[in-house]
Protein backbone atom coordinates (compact mmCIF):
# COMPACT_ATOMS: atom_id res chain seq x y z
CA UNK A 1 91.93 109.79 130.81
CA UNK A 2 95.59 109.80 129.27
CA UNK A 3 94.74 110.23 125.35
CA UNK A 4 93.19 113.45 127.04
CA UNK A 5 95.69 114.82 128.95
CA UNK A 6 98.16 114.11 126.01
CA UNK A 7 95.96 115.86 123.43
CA UNK A 8 95.50 118.85 125.75
CA UNK A 9 98.96 119.40 126.54
CA UNK A 10 99.55 118.92 122.45
CA UNK A 11 96.98 122.15 122.08
CA UNK A 12 98.74 123.94 124.97
CA UNK A 13 101.71 123.79 123.66
CA UNK A 14 100.95 124.83 119.98
CA UNK A 15 98.88 128.06 121.36
CA UNK A 16 101.76 128.77 123.23
CA UNK A 17 103.88 128.77 120.75
CA UNK A 18 102.52 130.80 118.25
CA UNK A 19 101.40 133.38 120.59
CA UNK A 20 104.97 133.35 121.43
CA UNK A 21 106.43 134.27 118.54
CA UNK A 22 103.67 135.56 116.53
CA UNK A 23 101.89 138.19 119.04
CA UNK A 24 102.58 141.53 119.37
CA UNK A 25 103.98 142.63 122.54
CA UNK A 26 100.72 144.40 123.97
CA UNK A 27 98.70 141.87 123.17
CA UNK A 28 101.76 138.99 124.42
CA UNK A 29 101.30 141.19 127.74
CA UNK A 30 97.65 141.43 128.18
CA UNK A 31 97.62 137.28 127.47
CA UNK A 32 100.03 136.94 130.02
CA UNK A 33 98.02 138.98 132.18
CA UNK A 34 95.42 137.33 131.44
CA UNK A 35 97.19 134.03 132.93
CA UNK A 36 97.97 135.80 135.82
CA UNK A 37 94.11 136.81 136.75
CA UNK A 38 93.74 133.24 136.57
CA UNK A 39 95.94 132.00 138.57
CA UNK A 40 95.21 134.73 141.36
CA UNK A 41 91.47 133.23 141.42
CA UNK A 42 92.97 129.60 141.66
CA UNK A 43 95.35 131.30 144.70
CA UNK A 44 92.06 132.82 146.36
CA UNK A 45 90.93 129.70 146.79
CA UNK A 46 93.83 127.68 148.20
CA UNK A 47 93.46 130.70 150.70
CA UNK A 48 90.25 129.72 151.60
CA UNK A 49 88.40 132.39 149.97
CA UNK A 50 85.10 132.28 148.35
CA UNK A 51 82.46 133.93 146.66
CA UNK A 52 82.47 137.56 146.32
CA UNK A 53 85.72 137.90 148.63
CA UNK A 54 87.37 135.42 145.76
CA UNK A 55 86.42 137.25 143.08
CA UNK A 56 87.93 140.11 144.80
CA UNK A 57 91.53 139.00 144.56
CA UNK A 58 92.16 138.83 140.78
CA UNK A 59 90.96 142.94 140.74
CA UNK A 60 93.17 143.29 143.49
CA UNK A 61 96.07 141.52 141.61
CA UNK A 62 95.37 143.63 138.87
CA UNK A 63 95.21 146.81 140.56
CA UNK A 64 98.96 146.14 141.46
CA UNK A 65 100.05 144.71 138.27
CA UNK A 66 98.67 147.77 136.80
CA UNK A 67 100.57 150.28 139.68
CA UNK A 68 103.46 148.26 139.35
CA UNK A 69 103.76 148.60 135.00
CA UNK A 70 102.80 152.09 135.62
CA UNK A 71 106.12 153.21 137.52
CA UNK A 72 108.23 149.94 136.72
CA UNK A 73 111.36 152.13 137.25
CA UNK A 74 114.90 150.72 138.50
CA UNK A 75 113.35 150.75 141.83
CA UNK A 76 110.48 149.12 141.68
CA UNK A 77 111.67 146.45 139.88
CA UNK A 78 114.68 145.93 142.17
CA UNK A 79 112.75 145.36 145.13
CA UNK A 80 110.61 142.99 142.93
CA UNK A 81 113.31 141.00 142.10
CA UNK A 82 114.48 140.76 145.43
CA UNK A 83 111.20 139.99 146.68
CA UNK A 84 111.12 136.72 144.51
CA UNK A 85 114.63 135.85 145.16
CA UNK A 86 114.83 136.23 149.05
CA UNK A 87 110.99 134.16 148.87
CA UNK A 88 112.55 131.24 146.65
CA UNK A 89 116.13 131.32 147.65
CA UNK A 90 115.01 131.54 152.10
CA UNK A 91 111.29 131.55 152.89
CA UNK A 92 109.85 129.09 150.55
CA UNK A 93 112.64 126.14 151.53
CA UNK A 94 111.89 127.04 155.03
CA UNK A 95 108.40 126.95 154.81
CA UNK A 96 108.60 123.36 152.91
CA UNK A 97 111.44 122.13 155.65
CA UNK A 98 109.16 122.85 158.54
CA UNK A 99 105.96 121.67 156.85
CA UNK A 100 104.44 125.38 157.97
CA UNK A 101 100.84 125.36 157.51
CA UNK A 102 100.31 128.79 157.88
CA UNK A 103 96.16 129.32 157.39
CA UNK A 104 96.32 132.97 157.68
CA UNK A 105 94.52 134.67 154.78
CA UNK A 106 95.62 137.85 154.93
CA UNK A 107 99.57 136.35 155.11
CA UNK A 108 99.03 133.87 152.13
CA UNK A 109 97.04 136.52 149.86
CA UNK A 110 100.22 138.75 150.05
CA UNK A 111 102.37 135.66 149.12
CA UNK A 112 100.62 135.39 146.49
CA UNK A 113 101.46 138.86 145.10
CA UNK A 114 105.04 138.02 145.78
CA UNK A 115 104.69 134.64 143.76
CA UNK A 116 102.62 135.95 140.46
CA UNK A 117 103.72 139.31 139.82
CA UNK A 118 107.05 138.82 139.33
CA UNK A 119 106.13 135.81 137.19
CA UNK A 120 103.69 138.05 135.00
CA UNK A 121 106.67 140.63 134.85
CA UNK A 122 109.19 138.43 133.66
CA UNK A 123 107.28 136.80 130.98
CA UNK A 124 106.81 140.18 129.40
CA UNK A 125 110.25 141.52 129.90
CA UNK A 126 111.89 138.19 128.96
CA UNK A 127 109.90 137.83 125.76
CA UNK A 128 110.89 141.53 125.23
CA UNK A 129 115.01 140.80 125.35
CA UNK A 130 114.85 137.26 123.33
CA UNK A 131 111.56 135.01 122.85
CA UNK A 132 113.67 132.25 122.35
CA UNK A 133 115.17 132.93 126.04
CA UNK A 134 111.93 132.44 127.07
CA UNK A 135 111.19 129.20 125.78
CA UNK A 136 114.73 128.05 126.77
CA UNK A 137 114.04 128.96 130.31
CA UNK A 138 110.33 127.56 130.09
CA UNK A 139 111.67 124.52 128.16
CA UNK A 140 114.07 124.05 131.07
CA UNK A 141 111.26 122.94 133.42
CA UNK A 142 109.84 120.96 131.13
CA UNK A 143 112.82 118.52 130.88
CA UNK A 144 113.33 118.42 133.55
CA UNK A 145 110.11 117.67 134.67
CA UNK A 146 109.92 114.91 132.15
CA UNK A 147 113.45 113.51 133.37
CA UNK A 148 112.50 113.45 137.02
CA UNK A 149 109.28 111.72 136.41
CA UNK A 150 110.82 108.98 134.17
CA UNK A 151 113.89 108.88 136.15
CA UNK A 152 111.71 108.29 139.72
CA UNK A 153 110.00 106.07 138.16
CA UNK A 154 112.69 103.79 137.53
CA UNK A 155 115.11 104.01 140.09
CA UNK A 156 113.87 106.26 142.44
CA UNK A 157 113.83 104.57 145.82
CA UNK A 158 114.54 107.56 148.22
CA UNK A 159 111.91 110.05 148.95
CA UNK A 160 112.41 113.45 148.41
CA UNK A 161 109.32 114.95 150.51
CA UNK A 162 106.89 112.18 150.93
CA UNK A 163 104.99 114.50 153.39
CA UNK A 164 104.13 116.71 150.79
CA UNK A 165 104.53 114.89 147.24
CA UNK A 166 105.74 110.70 148.40
CA UNK A 167 106.08 110.44 143.93
CA UNK A 168 109.12 112.95 143.89
CA UNK A 169 112.65 111.30 144.79
CA UNK A 170 116.18 111.88 145.12
CA UNK A 171 116.59 109.52 142.30
CA UNK A 172 114.71 111.91 140.28
CA UNK A 173 116.02 115.33 141.16
CA UNK A 174 119.86 113.81 140.10
CA UNK A 175 117.90 112.87 136.62
CA UNK A 176 116.13 116.27 136.47
CA UNK A 177 120.17 117.99 137.06
CA UNK A 178 121.69 115.41 134.84
CA UNK A 179 119.60 116.45 132.12
CA UNK A 180 119.58 120.18 132.14
CA UNK A 181 123.34 119.87 131.51
CA UNK A 182 122.62 118.14 128.42
CA UNK A 183 119.86 120.25 127.37
CA UNK A 184 121.94 123.62 127.82
CA UNK A 185 124.67 121.58 125.55
CA UNK A 186 122.49 121.61 123.33
CA UNK A 187 121.34 124.80 122.93
CA UNK A 188 124.69 125.97 123.77
CA UNK A 189 125.43 123.99 120.23
CA UNK A 190 122.30 125.25 118.02
CA UNK A 191 121.70 128.50 119.03
CA UNK A 192 124.99 130.26 121.55
CA UNK A 193 123.53 133.44 120.82
CA UNK A 194 120.19 133.18 122.75
CA UNK A 195 122.30 131.23 125.56
CA UNK A 196 124.44 134.13 126.00
CA UNK A 197 121.70 136.65 126.21
CA UNK A 198 121.16 134.49 129.70
CA UNK A 199 124.63 134.35 130.45
CA UNK A 200 127.83 135.09 129.00
CA UNK A 201 129.97 132.87 130.91
CA UNK A 202 131.17 129.64 130.08
CA UNK A 203 129.02 126.12 129.42
CA UNK A 204 130.00 125.24 132.86
CA UNK A 205 128.31 128.20 134.61
CA UNK A 206 125.31 128.15 132.27
CA UNK A 207 124.89 125.00 133.76
CA UNK A 208 125.46 125.48 136.98
CA UNK A 209 122.82 128.16 136.85
CA UNK A 210 120.56 126.11 135.45
CA UNK A 211 120.87 123.62 137.63
CA UNK A 212 120.39 126.19 140.42
CA UNK A 213 117.03 127.05 138.01
CA UNK A 214 115.83 123.27 138.32
CA UNK A 215 116.52 123.04 141.95
CA UNK A 216 114.38 125.70 142.10
CA UNK A 217 111.69 125.03 139.95
CA UNK A 218 111.15 121.81 142.15
CA UNK A 219 110.89 124.23 145.30
CA UNK A 220 107.79 125.70 143.58
CA UNK A 221 106.39 122.32 142.62
CA UNK A 222 106.60 121.10 146.35
CA UNK A 223 105.38 124.49 147.70
CA UNK A 224 102.40 124.47 145.15
CA UNK A 225 101.39 121.07 146.54
CA UNK A 226 102.12 121.68 150.11
CA UNK A 227 99.42 124.86 149.82
CA UNK A 228 96.52 122.64 147.93
CA UNK A 229 97.70 119.69 150.77
CA UNK A 230 96.82 122.66 153.81
CA UNK A 231 94.05 123.52 151.78
CA UNK A 232 92.82 119.71 151.66
CA UNK A 233 92.23 120.16 147.50
CA UNK A 234 93.80 117.76 144.94
CA UNK A 235 94.21 120.84 142.08
CA UNK A 236 93.97 124.35 142.17
CA UNK A 237 91.61 124.28 139.39
CA UNK A 238 89.76 122.59 136.85
CA UNK A 239 90.35 125.31 133.73
CA UNK A 240 92.72 122.38 131.85
CA UNK A 241 90.84 119.17 130.96
CA UNK A 242 92.94 116.91 132.59
CA UNK A 243 95.76 119.04 133.93
CA UNK A 244 93.78 120.80 136.49
CA UNK A 245 94.12 124.45 136.70
CA UNK A 246 96.44 127.34 135.80
CA UNK A 247 98.84 127.04 139.02
CA UNK A 248 98.61 123.21 138.44
CA UNK A 249 100.46 123.80 135.32
CA UNK A 250 102.57 126.85 136.05
CA UNK A 251 103.49 126.31 139.65
CA UNK A 252 107.42 125.58 138.78
CA UNK A 253 107.28 128.57 136.26
CA UNK A 254 106.50 130.46 139.24
CA UNK A 255 109.80 130.22 140.91
CA UNK A 256 112.52 129.64 137.93
CA UNK A 257 110.99 132.61 135.46
CA UNK A 258 111.52 135.02 138.44
CA UNK A 259 114.29 133.78 139.49
CA UNK A 260 115.87 133.91 136.09
CA UNK A 261 115.42 137.63 135.79
CA UNK A 262 116.80 138.09 139.35
CA UNK A 263 119.85 136.73 138.69
CA UNK A 264 120.14 138.58 135.22
CA UNK A 265 119.49 141.75 136.68
CA UNK A 266 121.64 141.39 140.00
CA UNK A 267 124.05 139.13 139.12
CA UNK A 268 124.40 140.27 135.19
CA UNK A 269 124.40 137.26 133.82
CA UNK A 270 122.35 138.29 130.60
CA UNK A 271 125.41 140.76 130.18
């Protein structure tokens, strides 16, 4: 099982890097759109939909995505990033702290739009801005997640959210934050021009922004774990051998990438 997971992860990584650096912009947007629609299909399952109703939700997502893309002016994009900002900084943390077990399908379907639409736009716009910048942001999530896992296993004693994800610890969070600082330092040394696109401030400012994104990535991970527990499922899907579904692989990215775009858009970190 472990060997299967490792091979699947390697194949996915190579395919992602090839698409990131070699696909033309339109093909990249279509590919990311297909992933977003696949995630919408899984989200509908977590909301308790089945049959025709479940199939309709990705179609709704695609229609809303196309409408936003067609009229993606300043006001529309500001609203999109503001919705992502408010959700991940305020609503999602409160949701997790209070352990809300919301099962109202209409409400959850709207939340799915708030989660997945900004993710697709962030994947497209960040890649247009700088493919290396998108790799930096997604890599931040990957290395932080790995650091949290290994430091949690080595030193973890204090549970972070035992009712949601018993394996996560505060020691794991500390390890993720430390590695995030090192990760930013390496990028600052080897590719300062790419990092400057995310934030033109000092290394400490970039490190603080990265630590904020790591904290947001943990929120995204916990949020999907909570939805799965409420829905009574172990994985969001079974598309990827040994890794579950699309949402299981991008849960942290759905919070980090829109948040990074919101920081660039509202705080001017990318200027």
